[in-house]
Amino acid sequence: MTGAKIFMPDAVNVDDLPQGYPAYLGYVDGEFITAAGLARMFPDAELVLLTVKGGNALAHGARVVPGEDTEPGDLTAAAAVQWAAGALAAVPASRPVLYASVQGQPGYGMPDVLLELHRHGIARNRVRLLSAHYTHTLHVCGPGTCKAIGLPMDGAQWTDEYRTRAGTIIDMSLLNGDFFQAQPALTEEEKIVQKLGIVRQGDTGPAVRTVQALCNARLADQAASGRLGPPPLAVDGVFGLKTQVTVEMLQAGGKVTQDGIVGPVTWPVLLGIE
């Protein structure tokens, strides 16, 4: 990350927001639509406009609504990532924002967002992750700060009790300095991983043989270092239970999601470049 951190306020009532911030968060649909008001009041600021329904082309990102707060049509983690996949297909350099609770209810938290990104084959740096974590302590979530999640976020809404000079109470987020920078070019490793695609249980063919051969290479590395593991896999091109279990074991060692799906997060582990 580069540059100084960025403060980004938001509120249900746009009139409660103070002038002078470089960025503001708002919504294009749902119960509290603030996009037009933000554009009118802060024409020179960066705006992060989110959808909670998943159907607005003006949105920069999608908000996963916690289960107890949902209205009909609100987004789950799976639906939000599906929206992001569509946004990336339309504008590959868009870096859509995905906003969710740092933990959250099953199906609605940032861990679920990360799992869905993995399942869709969307690399981490193709999106911007904005977590909600109301510790009321200034931070961006990650292993180096609050430790509530094992992956660094791009920003965090750290309080919903920020008092302005006028006495209003608003939400406040802290963003990394590169939050509004253009999407970085793919590295050579990312280009390779993208071409490899997604491989999972039930698949057959050359891609599965590649997974099995790489698993065996990583198992040989472990054996050479004195660590015990399962026996080598038969490189038969059939992604069955033994291949699944071996992939999950290597995912655990690589400290990535243990779902047995080989995609952008797991290919580097199997290739030994994590």
Protein backbone atom coordinates (compact mmCIF):
# COMPACT_ATOMS: atom_id res chain seq x y z
CA MET A 1 0.00 0.00 0.00
CA THR A 2 1.21 3.54 -0.70
CA GLY A 3 0.39 7.03 0.47
CA ALA A 4 -1.27 8.39 3.56
CA LYS A 5 -4.44 6.79 4.92
CA ILE A 6 -7.76 8.27 3.76
CA PHE A 7 -10.72 9.07 6.04
CA MET A 8 -14.13 8.39 4.51
CA PRO A 9 -17.36 9.29 6.37
CA ASP A 10 -20.92 8.23 5.62
CA ALA A 11 -24.36 8.79 7.10
CA VAL A 12 -27.99 8.01 6.45
CA ASN A 13 -28.65 11.77 6.31
CA VAL A 14 -26.23 13.45 3.88
CA ASP A 15 -26.74 16.79 5.62
CA ASP A 16 -25.01 15.33 8.70
CA LEU A 17 -21.74 14.92 6.80
CA PRO A 18 -19.04 17.57 7.18
CA GLN A 19 -17.21 19.18 4.28
CA GLY A 20 -13.49 18.72 3.67
CA TYR A 21 -13.01 14.94 3.43
CA PRO A 22 -11.33 13.41 0.36
CA ALA A 23 -13.90 10.61 0.06
CA TYR A 24 -17.47 9.75 1.06
CA LEU A 25 -19.40 6.47 1.14
CA GLY A 26 -23.00 6.19 -0.03
CA TYR A 27 -25.69 3.98 -1.57
CA VAL A 28 -27.40 3.83 -4.96
CA ASP A 29 -30.33 1.67 -3.85
CA GLY A 30 -31.91 0.10 -0.77
CA GLU A 31 -33.59 1.85 2.12
CA PHE A 32 -31.12 4.75 2.37
CA ILE A 33 -30.21 6.15 -1.06
CA THR A 34 -27.58 8.88 -0.69
CA ALA A 35 -25.72 8.85 -4.03
CA ALA A 36 -27.37 11.92 -5.56
CA GLY A 37 -27.01 13.96 -2.37
CA LEU A 38 -23.32 13.10 -2.07
CA ALA A 39 -22.64 14.08 -5.68
CA ARG A 40 -24.39 17.40 -5.12
CA MET A 41 -22.73 18.27 -1.79
CA PHE A 42 -19.22 16.96 -2.48
CA PRO A 43 -18.56 17.37 -6.22
CA ASP A 44 -14.77 17.33 -5.84
CA ALA A 45 -14.50 14.30 -3.54
CA GLU A 46 -14.04 10.64 -4.39
CA LEU A 47 -17.30 8.73 -3.94
CA VAL A 48 -17.67 5.04 -3.10
CA LEU A 49 -21.24 4.21 -4.11
CA LEU A 50 -22.53 0.78 -3.13
CA THR A 51 -25.46 -1.35 -4.13
CA VAL A 52 -27.31 -3.50 -1.61
CA LYS A 53 -29.57 -5.00 -4.28
CA GLY A 54 -27.03 -5.83 -6.98
CA GLY A 55 -28.81 -4.22 -9.90
CA ASN A 56 -27.42 -0.71 -10.27
CA ALA A 57 -24.82 -0.05 -12.96
CA LEU A 58 -23.74 3.21 -11.28
CA ALA A 59 -22.39 1.40 -8.22
CA HIS A 60 -18.67 1.09 -7.51
CA GLY A 61 -19.23 -1.88 -5.24
CA ALA A 62 -21.63 -4.11 -3.36
CA ARG A 63 -22.52 -4.28 0.32
CA VAL A 64 -23.25 -7.61 1.97
CA VAL A 65 -26.11 -6.96 4.37
CA PRO A 66 -26.03 -8.89 7.69
CA GLY A 67 -28.79 -11.47 7.98
CA GLU A 68 -30.87 -9.72 10.63
CA ASP A 69 -30.92 -6.45 8.63
CA THR A 70 -31.87 -7.80 5.22
CA GLU A 71 -34.78 -6.68 3.12
CA PRO A 72 -36.07 -8.72 0.17
CA GLY A 73 -33.45 -8.70 -2.58
CA ASP A 74 -30.50 -7.71 -0.37
CA LEU A 75 -27.14 -9.26 -1.15
CA THR A 76 -25.51 -12.27 0.44
CA ALA A 77 -21.75 -12.78 0.08
CA ALA A 78 -22.38 -15.13 -2.86
CA ALA A 79 -24.64 -12.61 -4.62
CA ALA A 80 -22.23 -9.72 -4.00
CA VAL A 81 -19.29 -11.60 -5.52
CA GLN A 82 -21.49 -12.61 -8.45
CA TRP A 83 -22.20 -8.89 -8.93
CA ALA A 84 -18.46 -8.13 -8.74
CA ALA A 85 -17.73 -10.83 -11.33
CA GLY A 86 -20.19 -9.11 -13.67
CA ALA A 87 -18.63 -5.72 -13.02
CA LEU A 88 -15.17 -7.10 -13.82
CA ALA A 89 -16.45 -8.75 -16.99
CA ALA A 90 -17.87 -5.40 -18.11
CA VAL A 91 -14.89 -3.26 -17.03
CA PRO A 92 -11.83 -5.44 -16.21
CA ALA A 93 -9.95 -2.54 -14.58
CA SER A 94 -12.82 -1.48 -12.32
CA ARG A 95 -11.62 -3.00 -9.00
CA PRO A 96 -15.14 -3.31 -7.53
CA VAL A 97 -15.56 -2.74 -3.80
CA LEU A 98 -16.93 -5.53 -1.61
CA TYR A 99 -18.11 -4.37 1.82
CA ALA A 100 -18.98 -6.82 4.60
CA SER A 101 -18.60 -7.40 8.31
CA VAL A 102 -15.11 -8.59 9.17
CA GLN A 103 -16.67 -11.73 10.64
CA GLY A 104 -20.44 -11.68 10.19
CA GLN A 105 -23.16 -14.29 10.17
CA PRO A 106 -22.62 -17.40 8.02
CA GLY A 107 -23.10 -16.44 4.40
CA TYR A 108 -22.80 -12.71 5.09
CA GLY A 109 -19.29 -12.05 6.45
CA MET A 110 -15.98 -11.14 4.86
CA PRO A 111 -14.74 -14.76 5.21
CA ASP A 112 -17.67 -15.78 2.99
CA VAL A 113 -16.74 -13.04 0.51
CA LEU A 114 -13.18 -14.39 0.35
CA LEU A 115 -14.48 -17.93 -0.18
CA GLU A 116 -16.77 -16.79 -3.00
CA LEU A 117 -13.92 -14.86 -4.67
CA HIS A 118 -11.92 -18.09 -4.58
CA ARG A 119 -14.78 -20.06 -6.10
CA HIS A 120 -15.22 -17.53 -8.89
CA GLY A 121 -11.51 -17.44 -9.64
CA ILE A 122 -11.21 -13.73 -8.84
CA ALA A 123 -7.73 -12.76 -7.63
CA ARG A 124 -7.52 -10.75 -4.42
CA ASN A 125 -6.06 -7.63 -6.04
CA ARG A 126 -8.86 -7.47 -8.64
CA VAL A 127 -11.21 -6.13 -5.94
CA ARG A 128 -11.14 -3.72 -2.99
CA LEU A 129 -12.20 -5.19 0.34
CA LEU A 130 -13.89 -2.85 2.81
CA SER A 131 -14.59 -4.43 6.20
CA ALA A 132 -16.95 -3.28 8.94
CA HIS A 133 -15.44 -3.72 12.39
CA TYR A 134 -16.78 -1.40 15.04
CA THR A 135 -13.98 -1.55 17.59
CA HIS A 136 -14.04 2.29 17.77
CA THR A 137 -10.26 2.00 17.45
CA LEU A 138 -8.77 3.54 14.31
CA HIS A 139 -7.51 0.73 12.07
CA VAL A 140 -7.73 -1.12 8.76
CA CYS A 141 -8.50 -4.77 9.47
CA GLY A 142 -5.81 -7.38 8.93
CA PRO A 143 -3.26 -9.64 10.63
CA GLY A 144 -1.06 -6.65 11.43
CA THR A 145 -3.78 -4.63 13.20
CA CYS A 146 -6.97 -6.03 14.76
CA LYS A 147 -6.11 -9.64 13.80
CA ALA A 148 -9.83 -10.30 13.22
CA ILE A 149 -9.08 -11.63 9.72
CA GLY A 150 -5.99 -13.21 8.21
CA LEU A 151 -5.89 -11.13 5.03
CA PRO A 152 -5.19 -7.38 4.91
CA MET A 153 -8.21 -5.31 3.92
CA ASP A 154 -8.16 -2.20 1.72
CA GLY A 155 -10.22 -0.25 4.21
CA ALA A 156 -12.31 -0.64 7.35
CA GLN A 157 -15.35 1.10 8.74
CA TRP A 158 -14.05 1.19 12.28
CA THR A 159 -16.77 3.19 14.07
CA ASP A 160 -20.44 4.10 13.79
CA GLU A 161 -20.12 6.67 16.59
CA TYR A 162 -17.87 9.31 15.06
CA ARG A 163 -18.85 12.74 16.39
CA THR A 164 -18.43 15.66 14.01
CA ARG A 165 -17.68 19.23 15.09
CA ALA A 166 -21.34 20.01 14.56
CA GLY A 167 -22.24 17.27 17.05
CA THR A 168 -23.75 14.78 14.57
CA ILE A 169 -22.93 11.07 14.88
CA ILE A 170 -21.78 9.39 11.67
CA ASP A 171 -19.90 6.31 10.44
CA MET A 172 -16.21 6.61 9.63
CA SER A 173 -13.94 4.42 7.52
CA LEU A 174 -10.18 4.41 7.14
CA LEU A 175 -8.82 3.49 3.70
CA ASN A 176 -5.35 2.55 2.55
CA GLY A 177 -3.67 5.29 0.58
CA ASP A 178 -3.87 3.35 -2.69
CA PHE A 179 -7.62 2.70 -2.44
CA PHE A 180 -8.45 4.90 -5.45
CA GLN A 181 -5.45 4.01 -7.58
CA ALA A 182 -5.90 2.21 -10.88
CA GLN A 183 -5.93 -1.57 -10.85
CA PRO A 184 -2.37 -2.89 -11.03
CA ALA A 185 -1.30 -4.88 -14.05
CA LEU A 186 -1.32 -8.64 -13.66
CA THR A 187 1.98 -10.14 -12.59
CA GLU A 188 3.41 -13.03 -14.59
CA GLU A 189 2.39 -15.40 -11.80
CA GLU A 190 -1.18 -14.06 -11.87
CA LYS A 191 -1.34 -14.49 -15.65
CA ILE A 192 -0.28 -18.13 -15.27
CA VAL A 193 -2.79 -18.75 -12.49
CA GLN A 194 -5.60 -17.13 -14.49
CA LYS A 195 -4.96 -19.47 -17.42
CA LEU A 196 -5.00 -22.52 -15.14
CA GLY A 197 -8.62 -21.88 -14.17
CA ILE A 198 -10.63 -23.67 -11.47
CA VAL A 199 -10.34 -27.40 -10.72
CA ARG A 200 -12.44 -29.21 -8.12
CA GLN A 201 -13.79 -32.58 -7.02
CA GLY A 202 -15.60 -34.39 -9.83
CA ASP A 203 -13.44 -32.88 -12.59
CA THR A 204 -11.39 -35.06 -14.93
CA GLY A 205 -8.71 -34.52 -17.53
CA PRO A 206 -5.33 -32.81 -18.00
CA ALA A 207 -5.97 -30.02 -15.45
CA VAL A 208 -6.60 -32.63 -12.76
CA ARG A 209 -3.39 -34.45 -13.68
CA THR A 210 -1.57 -31.12 -13.26
CA VAL A 211 -3.10 -30.71 -9.78
CA GLN A 212 -2.15 -34.27 -8.81
CA ALA A 213 1.43 -33.93 -10.08
CA LEU A 214 1.88 -30.63 -8.21
CA CYS A 215 0.41 -32.15 -5.05
CA ASN A 216 2.96 -34.97 -5.30
CA ALA A 217 5.76 -32.43 -5.74
CA ARG A 218 4.69 -30.57 -2.60
CA LEU A 219 4.36 -33.87 -0.70
CA ALA A 220 7.92 -34.76 -1.77
CA ASP A 221 9.11 -31.37 -0.49
CA GLN A 222 7.48 -32.09 2.87
CA ALA A 223 9.01 -35.57 3.05
CA ALA A 224 12.46 -34.14 2.28
CA SER A 225 12.08 -31.76 5.21
CA GLY A 226 11.06 -34.57 7.55
CA ARG A 227 7.31 -33.91 7.67
CA LEU A 228 4.93 -36.82 7.30
CA GLY A 229 2.03 -36.61 4.89
CA PRO A 230 -0.32 -38.78 2.86
CA PRO A 231 1.11 -41.10 0.18
CA PRO A 232 1.56 -39.73 -3.35
CA LEU A 233 -1.50 -39.51 -5.54
CA ALA A 234 -2.08 -41.55 -8.65
CA VAL A 235 -1.81 -39.08 -11.52
CA ASP A 236 -4.90 -40.44 -13.24
CA GLY A 237 -6.78 -37.25 -14.08
CA VAL A 238 -9.70 -38.03 -11.78
CA PHE A 239 -10.35 -35.52 -8.98
CA GLY A 240 -11.66 -37.87 -6.33
CA LEU A 241 -11.71 -37.97 -2.54
CA LYS A 242 -7.97 -38.65 -2.13
CA THR A 243 -7.08 -35.69 -4.31
CA GLN A 244 -9.58 -33.55 -2.40
CA VAL A 245 -8.09 -34.50 0.98
CA THR A 246 -4.53 -33.87 -0.23
CA VAL A 247 -5.44 -30.46 -1.65
CA GLU A 248 -7.13 -29.49 1.62
CA MET A 249 -4.05 -30.57 3.60
CA LEU A 250 -1.78 -28.45 1.38
CA GLN A 251 -4.22 -25.52 1.64
CA ALA A 252 -3.98 -25.76 5.43
CA GLY A 253 -0.19 -25.68 5.21
CA GLY A 254 -0.39 -22.70 2.86
CA LYS A 255 -2.81 -20.93 5.25
CA VAL A 256 -5.54 -20.49 2.65
CA THR A 257 -9.20 -21.54 2.70
CA GLN A 258 -9.47 -25.34 3.05
CA ASP A 259 -12.23 -26.03 0.52
CA GLY A 260 -10.45 -28.45 -1.83
CA ILE A 261 -10.99 -26.07 -4.77
CA VAL A 262 -7.89 -25.27 -6.80
CA GLY A 263 -8.16 -21.69 -8.06
CA PRO A 264 -6.20 -18.40 -7.92
CA VAL A 265 -5.52 -18.70 -4.19
CA THR A 266 -4.49 -22.38 -4.19
CA TRP A 267 -2.52 -22.66 -7.44
CA PRO A 268 0.41 -20.64 -5.96
CA VAL A 269 0.46 -23.04 -2.98
CA LEU A 270 0.65 -26.07 -5.29
CA LEU A 271 3.22 -24.35 -7.51
CA GLY A 272 5.35 -23.57 -4.46
CA ILE A 273 5.28 -19.79 -5.05
CA GLU A 274 2.98 -18.71 -2.21
